Amino acid sequence: MNGRAMNKRIADCRIHETAMVMDFVNLYSCEIGPEAFIGPFVEIQKEAKVGEKSRISSHSFVCQGVTIGKNCFIGHGVMFTNDKYDSPFPNQGDAVLRPTRVGDHVRIGSNATILPVSIGDRAVIGAGAVVTKDVPAGAVVAGNPARQIREIA
């Protein structure tokens, strides 16, 4: 193993030969599509999928069950989470993992947090937004919690 390969932790992934994966990543049982770009210091967990020509910027975390469509841009430090507690007392029950779907041509600004939601095609998520509810196609959302501020024609 050469020194370059030691800078990556990739286990049981399907990575298209035209995808570019930078150093210092952790990829586990995920799928990376054609011409996708995975920046440094990114972790992508099992059962996550990154679509064709999508870009995941540095320091982002894509957890289990997240599907990212084609031609998406995920900014620096974006965090996806996949758990919600069904119990009103979080310390008294196990987390229930939920899927997250990001449509095609979606733009997510740096440091956004995405809870288990569905984000429609061509949506734009503002930097630092906390997305707690589904986002319709073509919507622009921002804030904490994220609220729709306009629609893309």
Foldseek 3Di string as FASTA:
>chain_A
DDPQVVQEAAEQEAEDPQEAEHGQEHEEQEYEEHPEYEEHQEYAYHCEYAEHNEYAYHQEYHYHQEYAYYQEYHEYNEYEDFWDDPDPDVVPDDTDGAHAYHYYCEYEYACEYEYREYEEDNEYEDHNEDDDYYHYHQFYWYDVPTDTDDGHD
